[in-house]
PDB file of N, CA and C in Angstrom:
ATOM      1  N   MET A   1      85.912  61.108 282.203  1.00  0.00           N
ATOM      2  CA  MET A   1      85.707  60.367 280.886  1.00  0.00           C
ATOM      3  C   MET A   1      84.159  59.750 280.784  1.00  0.00           C
ATOM      4  N   GLN A   2      83.547  60.206 282.128  1.00  0.00           N
ATOM      5  CA  GLN A   2      81.623  59.403 281.813  1.00  0.00           C
ATOM      6  C   GLN A   2      80.534  60.599 280.844  1.00  0.00           C
ATOM      7  N   ALA A   3      81.234  61.336 281.792  1.00  0.00           N
ATOM      8  CA  ALA A   3      80.164  62.800 280.817  1.00  0.00           C
ATOM      9  C   ALA A   3      81.109  63.329 278.991  1.00  0.00           C
ATOM     10  N   GLU A   4      82.311  63.217 279.301  1.00  0.00           N
ATOM     11  CA  GLU A   4      82.684  63.337 278.338  1.00  0.00           C
ATOM     12  C   GLU A   4      82.530  62.151 277.010  1.00  0.00           C
ATOM     13  N   LEU A   5      82.157  61.056 277.526  1.00  0.00           N
ATOM     14  CA  LEU A   5      81.749  59.694 276.193  1.00  0.00           C
ATOM     15  C   LEU A   5      79.758  60.192 276.099  1.00  0.00           C
ATOM     16  N   THR A   6      79.459  60.392 276.483  1.00  0.00           N
ATOM     17  CA  THR A   6      78.156  60.687 276.668  1.00  0.00           C
ATOM     18  C   THR A   6      77.957  62.143 276.199  1.00  0.00           C
ATOM     19  N   SER A   7      78.492  62.646 276.076  1.00  0.00           N
ATOM     20  CA  SER A   7      78.760  64.272 275.684  1.00  0.00           C
ATOM     21  C   SER A   7      77.484  64.445 274.118  1.00  0.00           C
ATOM     22  N   PRO A   8      76.985  65.687 274.089  1.00  0.00           N
ATOM     23  CA  PRO A   8      76.178  66.236 272.900  1.00  0.00           C
ATOM     24  C   PRO A   8      77.309  66.097 271.394  1.00  0.00           C
ATOM     25  N   ASP A   9      78.443  67.044 272.217  1.00  0.00           N
ATOM     26  CA  ASP A   9      79.672  66.744 271.695  1.00  0.00           C
ATOM     27  C   ASP A   9      79.836  65.737 270.825  1.00  0.00           C
ATOM     28  N   LYS A  10      79.968  64.803 271.408  1.00  0.00           N
ATOM     29  CA  LYS A  10      80.951  62.961 271.285  1.00  0.00           C
ATOM     30  C   LYS A  10      79.561  62.717 269.925  1.00  0.00           C
ATOM     31  N   ALA A  11      78.409  62.849 270.491  1.00  0.00           N
ATOM     32  CA  ALA A  11      77.617  62.822 269.210  1.00  0.00           C
ATOM     33  C   ALA A  11      78.084  63.193 268.074  1.00  0.00           C
ATOM     34  N   ASP A  12      78.287  63.829 268.177  1.00  0.00           N
ATOM     35  CA  ASP A  12      78.107  65.144 267.022  1.00  0.00           C
ATOM     36  C   ASP A  12      79.445  64.805 265.861  1.00  0.00           C
ATOM     37  N   ASP A  13      80.711  64.592 267.165  1.00  0.00           N
ATOM     38  CA  ASP A  13      81.685  63.951 266.300  1.00  0.00           C
ATOM     39  C   ASP A  13      81.185  62.888 265.687  1.00  0.00           C
ATOM     40  N   LEU A  14      80.673  61.422 266.680  1.00  0.00           N
ATOM     41  CA  LEU A  14      80.446  60.273 266.113  1.00  0.00           C
ATOM     42  C   LEU A  14      79.131  60.349 264.362  1.00  0.00           C
ATOM     43  N   ILE A  15      78.131  61.416 264.362  1.00  0.00           N
ATOM     44  CA  ILE A  15      77.706  61.906 263.481  1.00  0.00           C
ATOM     45  C   ILE A  15      78.776  62.681 262.231  1.00  0.00           C
ATOM     46  N   ALA A  16      79.276  63.291 262.302  1.00  0.00           N
ATOM     47  CA  ALA A  16      80.463  63.440 261.368  1.00  0.00           C
ATOM     48  C   ALA A  16      80.877  62.970 260.761  1.00  0.00           C
ATOM     49  N   LEU A  17      81.662  61.699 261.920  1.00  0.00           N
ATOM     50  CA  LEU A  17      83.091  60.486 260.839  1.00  0.00           C
ATOM     51  C   LEU A  17      82.157  59.421 260.616  1.00  0.00           C
ATOM     52  N   HIS A  18      80.868  58.452 260.907  1.00  0.00           N
ATOM     53  CA  HIS A  18      80.181  57.732 260.063  1.00  0.00           C
ATOM     54  C   HIS A  18      79.104  58.141 259.820  1.00  0.00           C
ATOM     55  N   GLY A  19      78.272  59.525 260.099  1.00  0.00           N
ATOM     56  CA  GLY A  19      76.494  59.927 259.577  1.00  0.00           C
ATOM     57  C   GLY A  19      75.269  58.898 260.527  1.00  0.00           C
ATOM     58  N   VAL A  20      75.115  58.386 258.979  1.00  0.00           N
ATOM     59  CA  VAL A  20      74.041  57.108 259.669  1.00  0.00           C
ATOM     60  C   VAL A  20      74.532  56.187 260.310  1.00  0.00           C
ATOM     61  N   ASP A  21      75.613  55.507 259.683  1.00  0.00           N
ATOM     62  CA  ASP A  21      76.153  54.401 260.104  1.00  0.00           C
ATOM     63  C   ASP A  21      76.256  54.612 261.910  1.00  0.00           C
ATOM     64  N   ALA A  22      76.432  55.798 262.263  1.00  0.00           N
ATOM     65  CA  ALA A  22      76.801  55.981 263.683  1.00  0.00           C
ATOM     66  C   ALA A  22      75.882  54.824 264.525  1.00  0.00           C
ATOM     67  N   ILE A  23      74.779  55.176 263.855  1.00  0.00           N
ATOM     68  CA  ILE A  23      73.674  54.096 265.291  1.00  0.00           C
ATOM     69  C   ILE A  23      74.010  52.371 264.807  1.00  0.00           C
ATOM     70  N   ALA A  24      74.859  52.028 264.056  1.00  0.00           N
ATOM     71  CA  ALA A  24      75.611  50.666 263.688  1.00  0.00           C
ATOM     72  C   ALA A  24      76.728  50.481 264.803  1.00  0.00           C
ATOM     73  N   VAL A  25      77.534  51.529 264.145  1.00  0.00           N
ATOM     74  CA  VAL A  25      78.234  51.894 264.928  1.00  0.00           C
ATOM     75  C   VAL A  25      78.487  51.674 267.003  1.00  0.00           C
ATOM     76  N   LEU A  26      77.529  52.197 267.103  1.00  0.00           N
ATOM     77  CA  LEU A  26      77.417  52.550 268.914  1.00  0.00           C
ATOM     78  C   LEU A  26      76.571  50.980 268.882  1.00  0.00           C
ATOM     79  N   VAL A  27      75.660  50.460 267.966  1.00  0.00           N
ATOM     80  CA  VAL A  27      75.606  49.741 268.285  1.00  0.00           C
ATOM     81  C   VAL A  27      76.314  48.397 268.279  1.00  0.00           C
ATOM     82  N   ASP A  28      77.672  48.409 267.627  1.00  0.00           N
ATOM     83  CA  ASP A  28      78.688  47.537 267.794  1.00  0.00           C
ATOM     84  C   ASP A  28      79.522  47.363 268.671  1.00  0.00           C
ATOM     85  N   ARG A  29      79.282  49.004 269.141  1.00  0.00           N
ATOM     86  CA  ARG A  29      80.062  49.388 270.494  1.00  0.00           C
ATOM     87  C   ARG A  29      79.290  48.629 271.475  1.00  0.00           C
ATOM     88  N   ILE A  30      78.302  48.619 271.554  1.00  0.00           N
ATOM     89  CA  ILE A  30      77.098  48.247 273.096  1.00  0.00           C
ATOM     90  C   ILE A  30      77.531  46.869 272.582  1.00  0.00           C
ATOM     91  N   ALA A  31      76.855  46.075 272.348  1.00  0.00           N
ATOM     92  CA  ALA A  31      77.347  44.527 271.614  1.00  0.00           C
ATOM     93  C   ALA A  31      78.960  43.828 272.652  1.00  0.00           C
ATOM     94  N   ASP A  32      79.925  44.567 272.081  1.00  0.00           N
ATOM     95  CA  ASP A  32      80.990  44.490 272.542  1.00  0.00           C
ATOM     96  C   ASP A  32      81.414  44.324 273.975  1.00  0.00           C
ATOM     97  N   ALA A  33      81.213  45.401 274.843  1.00  0.00           N
ATOM     98  CA  ALA A  33      81.082  45.776 275.730  1.00  0.00           C
ATOM     99  C   ALA A  33      80.127  44.953 276.475  1.00  0.00           C
ATOM    100  N   VAL A  34      78.706  44.388 276.163  1.00  0.00           N
ATOM    101  CA  VAL A  34      77.909  43.344 277.076  1.00  0.00           C
ATOM    102  C   VAL A  34      78.584  41.909 276.696  1.00  0.00           C
ATOM    103  N   ARG A  35      79.263  41.337 275.334  1.00  0.00           N
ATOM    104  CA  ARG A  35      80.186  40.443 275.814  1.00  0.00           C
ATOM    105  C   ARG A  35      81.378  40.836 276.925  1.00  0.00           C
ATOM    106  N   HIS A  36      81.884  41.386 276.814  1.00  0.00           N
ATOM    107  CA  HIS A  36      82.998  42.289 278.181  1.00  0.00           C
ATOM    108  C   HIS A  36      82.383  42.485 279.249  1.00  0.00           C
ATOM    109  N   CYS A  37      80.442  42.004 279.090  1.00  0.00           N
ATOM    110  CA  CYS A  37      79.928  42.485 280.931  1.00  0.00           C
ATOM    111  C   CYS A  37      80.717  43.729 281.467  1.00  0.00           C
ATOM    112  N   ASP A  38      80.956  44.458 281.113  1.00  0.00           N
ATOM    113  CA  ASP A  38      81.471  45.739 280.845  1.00  0.00           C
ATOM    114  C   ASP A  38      80.337  47.221 280.978  1.00  0.00           C
ATOM    115  N   ASP A  39      79.566  46.556 282.250  1.00  0.00           N
ATOM    116  CA  ASP A  39      77.766  47.762 282.542  1.00  0.00           C
ATOM    117  C   ASP A  39      78.480  48.803 282.523  1.00  0.00           C
ATOM    118  N   GLN A  40      79.271  49.382 282.830  1.00  0.00           N
ATOM    119  CA  GLN A  40      79.582  50.668 282.883  1.00  0.00           C
ATOM    120  C   GLN A  40      79.466  51.228 281.582  1.00  0.00           C
ATOM    121  N   ALA A  41      80.108  50.095 280.242  1.00  0.00           N
ATOM    122  CA  ALA A  41      80.217  50.899 279.864  1.00  0.00           C
ATOM    123  C   ALA A  41      79.053  50.970 278.639  1.00  0.00           C
ATOM    124  N   VAL A  42      78.640  50.037 278.863  1.00  0.00           N
ATOM    125  CA  VAL A  42      77.343  49.852 278.374  1.00  0.00           C
ATOM    126  C   VAL A  42      76.322  50.978 278.651  1.00  0.00           C
ATOM    127  N   ASP A  43      75.629  51.086 279.662  1.00  0.00           N
ATOM    128  CA  ASP A  43      75.144  52.375 279.840  1.00  0.00           C
ATOM    129  C   ASP A  43      75.449  53.571 278.943  1.00  0.00           C
ATOM    130  N   SER A  44      76.717  54.283 279.394  1.00  0.00           N
ATOM    131  CA  SER A  44      77.593  54.987 278.896  1.00  0.00           C
ATOM    132  C   SER A  44      77.380  55.386 277.057  1.00  0.00           C
ATOM    133  N   LEU A  45      77.390  54.002 277.202  1.00  0.00           N
ATOM    134  CA  LEU A  45      76.828  53.514 275.073  1.00  0.00           C
ATOM    135  C   LEU A  45      75.270  53.778 275.063  1.00  0.00           C
ATOM    136  N   ASP A  46      75.021  53.639 275.407  1.00  0.00           N
ATOM    137  CA  ASP A  46      73.699  53.551 275.543  1.00  0.00           C
ATOM    138  C   ASP A  46      73.085  54.829 275.431  1.00  0.00           C
ATOM    139  N   ARG A  47      73.670  55.623 276.508  1.00  0.00           N
ATOM    140  CA  ARG A  47      73.835  57.130 276.903  1.00  0.00           C
ATOM    141  C   ARG A  47      74.036  57.835 275.302  1.00  0.00           C
ATOM    142  N   LEU A  48      74.989  57.048 275.004  1.00  0.00           N
ATOM    143  CA  LEU A  48      75.247  58.058 273.708  1.00  0.00           C
ATOM    144  C   LEU A  48      74.553  57.538 272.708  1.00  0.00           C
ATOM    145  N   LEU A  49      74.209  56.784 272.128  1.00  0.00           N
ATOM    146  CA  LEU A  49      72.720  55.989 271.038  1.00  0.00           C
ATOM    147  C   LEU A  49      72.039  56.672 271.349  1.00  0.00           C
ATOM    148  N   GLN A  50      71.029  57.380 272.615  1.00  0.00           N
ATOM    149  CA  GLN A  50      70.181  57.928 272.986  1.00  0.00           C
ATOM    150  C   GLN A  50      70.993  59.640 272.016  1.00  0.00           C
ATOM    151  N   ILE A  51      71.414  60.041 272.098  1.00  0.00           N
ATOM    152  CA  ILE A  51      71.829  61.414 272.081  1.00  0.00           C
ATOM    153  C   ILE A  51      71.897  61.489 269.839  1.00  0.00           C
ATOM    154  N   VAL A  52      72.890  60.519 270.146  1.00  0.00           N
ATOM    155  CA  VAL A  52      72.614  60.141 268.877  1.00  0.00           C
ATOM    156  C   VAL A  52      71.529  60.054 267.489  1.00  0.00           C
ATOM    157  N   GLU A  53      70.837  58.938 268.159  1.00  0.00           N
ATOM    158  CA  GLU A  53      69.198  58.892 267.853  1.00  0.00           C
ATOM    159  C   GLU A  53      68.698  60.277 267.718  1.00  0.00           C
ATOM    160  N   GLN A  54      68.638  61.575 269.157  1.00  0.00           N
ATOM    161  CA  GLN A  54      68.073  63.039 268.899  1.00  0.00           C
ATOM    162  C   GLN A  54      68.456  63.357 268.067  1.00  0.00           C
ATOM    163  N   ARG A  55      69.535  62.976 267.860  1.00  0.00           N
ATOM    164  CA  ARG A  55      70.216  64.932 267.215  1.00  0.00           C
ATOM    165  C   ARG A  55      69.484  63.861 265.668  1.00  0.00           C
ATOM    166  N   PHE A  56      69.740  62.784 264.606  1.00  0.00           N
ATOM    167  CA  PHE A  56      68.518  62.360 263.413  1.00  0.00           C
ATOM    168  C   PHE A  56      67.555  62.863 263.783  1.00  0.00           C
ATOM    169  N   GLU A  57      66.264  62.841 264.588  1.00  0.00           N
ATOM    170  CA  GLU A  57      64.938  62.721 264.635  1.00  0.00           C
ATOM    171  C   GLU A  57      64.503  64.232 264.719  1.00  0.00           C
ATOM    172  N   GLU A  58      65.504  65.392 265.293  1.00  0.00           N
ATOM    173  CA  GLU A  58      65.568  66.899 265.217  1.00  0.00           C
ATOM    174  C   GLU A  58      65.807  67.307 264.045  1.00  0.00           C
ATOM    175  N   PRO A  59      65.306  67.352 262.682  1.00  0.00           N
ATOM    176  CA  PRO A  59      64.954  67.314 261.530  1.00  0.00           C
ATOM    177  C   PRO A  59      63.455  66.688 261.193  1.00  0.00           C
ATOM    178  N   TRP A  60      63.564  65.655 261.369  1.00  0.00           N
ATOM    179  CA  TRP A  60      61.594  65.546 261.461  1.00  0.00           C
ATOM    180  C   TRP A  60      60.334  65.991 262.447  1.00  0.00           C
ATOM    181  N   ARG A  61      61.203  66.179 263.980  1.00  0.00           N
ATOM    182  CA  ARG A  61      60.403  66.860 264.899  1.00  0.00           C
ATOM    183  C   ARG A  61      59.798  68.039 264.092  1.00  0.00           C
ATOM    184  N   ALA A  62      60.711  69.056 263.401  1.00  0.00           N
ATOM    185  CA  ALA A  62      60.901  70.635 263.419  1.00  0.00           C
ATOM    186  C   ALA A  62      59.984  70.797 261.380  1.00  0.00           C
ATOM    187  N   MET A  63      60.175  69.318 260.874  1.00  0.00           N
ATOM    188  CA  MET A  63      59.207  69.466 259.769  1.00  0.00           C
ATOM    189  C   MET A  63      57.578  69.246 260.379  1.00  0.00           C
ATOM    190  N   ARG A  64      57.344  68.436 261.685  1.00  0.00           N
ATOM    191  CA  ARG A  64      56.407  68.234 261.808  1.00  0.00           C
ATOM    192  C   ARG A  64      55.816  69.081 262.109  1.00  0.00           C
ATOM    193  N   SER A  65      56.474  70.217 263.673  1.00  0.00           N
ATOM    194  CA  SER A  65      55.992  71.066 263.705  1.00  0.00           C
ATOM    195  C   SER A  65      55.534  72.512 262.643  1.00  0.00           C
ATOM    196  N   ILE A  66      56.472  72.047 261.609  1.00  0.00           N
ATOM    197  CA  ILE A  66      55.620  73.220 260.972  1.00  0.00           C
ATOM    198  C   ILE A  66      54.415  73.342 260.079  1.00  0.00           C
ATOM    199  N   GLY A  67      54.572  71.614 259.710  1.00  0.00           N
ATOM    200  CA  GLY A  67      53.353  70.822 259.501  1.00  0.00           C
ATOM    201  C   GLY A  67      51.721  71.013 259.735  1.00  0.00           C
ATOM    202  N   ASN A  68      51.743  71.622 261.190  1.00  0.00           N
ATOM    203  CA  ASN A  68      50.567  71.244 261.639  1.00  0.00           C
ATOM    204  C   ASN A  68      50.522  72.310 262.202  1.00  0.00           C
TER     205      ASN A  68
END
């Protein structure tokens, strides 16, 4: 389950479902996990958030490398 939660496919699914709001959705889920003192969920969601952020940054990185 842990690997499934933090997979790039899960990140892609969240982005497809929520668009740029995927970040806000994950931040809300992390806040809920913190309130429930669920450290394991916080860690998993944080890793998933990092993957989502990387997905959003990829086009910008590609554009910067073309310009250099």
